[in-house]
Protein backbone atom coordinates (compact mmCIF):
# COMPACT_ATOMS: atom_id res chain seq x y z
CA MET A 1 -107.51 -132.21 -88.71
CA PRO A 2 -110.35 -133.37 -86.46
CA THR A 3 -110.50 -132.14 -82.89
CA ARG A 4 -110.15 -134.89 -80.32
CA HIS A 5 -111.81 -134.59 -76.97
CA LEU A 6 -110.40 -136.27 -73.94
CA PRO A 7 -113.46 -137.60 -72.12
CA HIS A 8 -111.75 -137.99 -68.74
CA THR A 9 -110.05 -134.59 -68.56
CA PRO A 10 -112.53 -132.95 -66.14
CA ARG A 11 -112.42 -135.96 -63.79
CA LEU A 12 -108.61 -136.12 -63.87
CA PHE A 13 -108.41 -132.39 -63.21
CA ARG A 14 -110.75 -132.73 -60.20
CA HIS A 15 -108.64 -135.60 -58.81
CA PHE A 16 -105.49 -133.56 -59.31
CA LEU A 17 -106.98 -130.55 -57.49
CA THR A 18 -108.25 -132.76 -54.66
CA ALA A 19 -104.81 -134.36 -54.23
CA LEU A 20 -103.12 -130.97 -54.32
CA LEU A 21 -105.49 -129.60 -51.68
CA LEU A 22 -104.95 -132.64 -49.46
CA ILE A 23 -101.18 -132.31 -49.68
CA ALA A 24 -101.33 -128.58 -48.93
CA THR A 25 -103.50 -129.00 -45.82
CA THR A 26 -101.67 -131.97 -44.31
CA THR A 27 -98.25 -130.42 -44.91
CA GLY A 28 -99.33 -127.32 -43.01
CA VAL A 29 -100.42 -129.41 -40.03
CA ALA A 30 -97.09 -131.26 -39.99
CA PHE A 31 -95.11 -128.02 -40.09
CA ALA A 32 -97.23 -126.50 -37.32
CA HIS A 33 -96.66 -129.54 -35.10
CA HIS A 34 -92.89 -129.58 -35.56
CA GLY A 35 -92.38 -125.89 -35.03
CA TRP A 36 -92.60 -123.89 -31.82
CA ARG A 37 -95.99 -122.22 -32.34
CA TRP A 38 -97.77 -124.66 -30.02
CA THR A 39 -95.48 -123.77 -27.10
CA ASP A 40 -95.71 -121.13 -24.39
CA ASP A 41 -93.20 -118.26 -24.36
CA GLY A 42 -91.95 -118.85 -20.81
CA GLN A 43 -89.16 -121.14 -19.67
CA PHE A 44 -90.35 -124.45 -18.15
CA GLU A 45 -88.47 -127.10 -16.18
CA LEU A 46 -89.54 -130.69 -15.54
CA THR A 47 -87.69 -133.32 -13.52
CA ALA A 48 -89.08 -136.80 -14.09
CA ARG A 49 -88.28 -140.46 -14.63
CA LEU A 50 -87.98 -141.72 -18.20
CA GLU A 51 -90.54 -144.39 -19.07
CA LYS A 52 -90.03 -144.66 -22.82
CA ALA A 53 -87.84 -143.09 -25.49
CA VAL A 54 -88.69 -143.13 -29.19
CA LEU A 55 -85.72 -141.54 -30.93
CA GLY A 56 -85.39 -140.73 -34.60
CA ASN A 57 -86.72 -138.42 -37.25
CA PRO A 58 -88.41 -136.01 -37.40
CA HIS A 59 -87.61 -135.71 -33.65
CA GLY A 60 -87.46 -137.94 -30.60
CA VAL A 61 -90.28 -138.21 -28.08
CA LEU A 62 -89.82 -139.12 -24.43
CA THR A 63 -92.60 -140.36 -22.17
CA MET A 64 -91.83 -139.12 -18.67
CA ASP A 65 -93.34 -139.93 -15.27
CA ALA A 66 -93.40 -136.91 -12.94
CA GLU A 67 -94.78 -138.28 -9.67
CA GLY A 68 -97.53 -140.21 -11.44
CA SER A 69 -98.22 -137.55 -14.04
CA LYS A 70 -97.36 -138.56 -17.63
CA TRP A 71 -95.59 -136.01 -19.84
CA LEU A 72 -94.59 -136.16 -23.51
CA VAL A 73 -91.34 -134.37 -24.26
CA GLU A 74 -90.06 -133.65 -27.75
CA VAL A 75 -86.29 -133.77 -28.03
CA GLY A 76 -84.06 -133.06 -31.01
CA GLN A 77 -83.54 -134.82 -34.27
CA PRO A 78 -80.79 -137.50 -34.15
CA TRP A 79 -78.15 -135.08 -35.49
CA ARG A 80 -79.11 -132.41 -32.93
CA ASN A 81 -78.95 -134.88 -30.02
CA GLU A 82 -75.53 -136.04 -31.22
CA GLN A 83 -74.31 -132.45 -31.63
CA ALA A 84 -75.37 -131.78 -28.01
CA GLY A 85 -73.34 -134.80 -26.85
CA LEU A 86 -76.26 -137.13 -26.20
CA THR A 87 -76.30 -140.82 -27.13
CA ASP A 88 -79.28 -143.15 -27.38
CA ALA A 89 -77.87 -145.16 -24.43
CA MET A 90 -78.37 -142.12 -22.17
CA PHE A 91 -82.14 -142.47 -22.65
CA ALA A 92 -82.43 -145.70 -20.65
CA LYS A 93 -85.74 -146.51 -18.99
CA GLY A 94 -85.80 -145.36 -15.37
CA VAL A 95 -83.18 -142.61 -15.64
CA THR A 96 -84.12 -139.28 -14.06
CA LEU A 97 -83.87 -136.30 -16.40
CA THR A 98 -84.32 -132.61 -15.88
CA LEU A 99 -85.76 -131.05 -19.01
CA VAL A 100 -85.69 -127.32 -19.67
CA GLY A 101 -87.65 -125.78 -22.51
CA LYS A 102 -91.09 -124.68 -23.57
CA ARG A 103 -94.31 -126.31 -22.47
CA SER A 104 -97.53 -126.47 -24.43
CA SER A 105 -99.53 -123.24 -24.43
CA ASP A 106 -102.55 -125.40 -23.52
CA PRO A 107 -102.23 -125.82 -19.73
CA LYS A 108 -104.27 -129.05 -19.86
CA GLU A 109 -101.74 -130.65 -22.21
CA LYS A 110 -98.73 -132.24 -20.48
CA ARG A 111 -96.29 -131.78 -23.32
CA MET A 112 -93.11 -129.80 -23.77
CA LYS A 113 -90.26 -129.27 -26.19
CA ALA A 114 -86.84 -129.66 -24.58
CA GLU A 115 -84.15 -127.06 -25.25
CA ARG A 116 -81.79 -128.54 -22.64
CA ILE A 117 -81.53 -131.96 -21.00
CA ILE A 118 -79.71 -132.36 -17.69
CA ILE A 119 -78.45 -135.83 -16.74
CA ASP A 120 -76.58 -136.29 -13.45
CA GLY A 121 -75.92 -132.54 -13.32
CA LYS A 122 -74.43 -132.38 -16.84
CA LYS A 123 -76.14 -130.03 -19.31
CA PHE A 124 -76.81 -131.04 -22.91
CA ASP A 125 -78.06 -128.08 -24.93
CA LEU A 126 -80.23 -129.01 -27.89
CA TYR A 127 -81.17 -125.42 -28.74
CA PRO A 128 -78.55 -123.23 -27.02
CA GLU A 129 -79.66 -120.13 -28.92
CA ARG A 130 -83.09 -120.39 -27.28
CA LEU A 131 -81.78 -120.60 -23.70
CA PRO A 132 -81.29 -117.44 -21.61
CA ASP A 133 -77.75 -118.57 -20.68
CA GLY A 134 -77.06 -120.35 -23.97
CA LYS A 135 -74.70 -119.59 -26.81
CA LYS A 136 -75.87 -117.11 -29.40
């Protein structure tokens, strides 16, 4: 039986390896962003006025105005917000929120990840196991 050569095999293999490498590197960046590695270890609190809320997966992002200083705040996934007792209606433009959590380890970056949201004195714990007074 004659041996058949596939003329495009090396090129297909290179494309496959390139695609695999691209997937591996971009997936790592996405996981790093959505974890906690970019945050500082200390507890941080921010009280500010809500300018914009983009809620949904993989997590919500709030744009806050703290006396003219813009902050981006990551909140929980929709199921986590709901489990904490939060509704989308609570994130109305202009509402004042107190956010407790971890800020970016880069002091120039005005970004934090909320573990607790306080609205009108009521606490909504997104990550109670991460809070010093939270449930374990």
